[in-house]
Amino acid sequence: MKGMEKITRRISSEAEEAAAAVIAQGQKAADDIRARYEAQARETEAELLRQGREKLEQKVQRAERAAKLDAKKDILSVKQEMVSAAYEKARQLILALPEEKYVAFLARQAGAAALTGREEIILSPEDRKALGEKLLAAANAAAAKRGLPGTLKLSQETRPIRGGLVLREGDIEVNCTLESLLELSRGSLDAEVARTLFQ
């Protein structure tokens, strides 16, 4: 029996050694795999952090560009409001001219806009009552200087206009209201008005 015990012990010892070797080999393989995956995890983490920083930087840059664009839009809007206010102020200044200067201004507009010299002059009710005949005489003189017959007429019709006049002959009307004149001058004067306001 002793021989059998020796053989059993030897087999058991060899099996334990083999098992220990397999366990050691498995442990080494597991350590290698763990080390490889940890390295990959660190690389992946570093790459994700890099990508996250890039995305964050891009978002910050987009937000800065959007903020700058919004600021420019706001500034442009304020500037446009100021330019519009300057034109409104010009309209008010024209309306506040002394009567003789206002009549001369309207007469120049009527004389320059007349196509035949036989048009009717349409005014606001207030201007027709206060300036009608004086304006008619001055406008006919201005039309005559251009070689047109000075036969403009004062229309019985009035319109709710805020300064200026309308010339009409038949179906053709020429709008010389202050709002129209100022609007027409905007294209040529906006840059100069803006330069004056914002320098």
Foldseek 3Di string as FASTA:
>chain_A
DVVVVVVVVVVVVVVVVVVVVVVVVVVVVVVVVVVVVVVVVVVVVVVVVVVVVVVVVVVVVVVVVVVVVVVVVVVVVVLVVVLVVVLVVVLVVLVVDPPVVNLLVLLLLLLVPDDALAWEKAEAPVCCVPPVVVSLVSNLVSVVVVVHHNNYHHDPHYDPASAHIWTDDPPDIDDGGSVVVSVVCCVVCVVVSSVVVPD
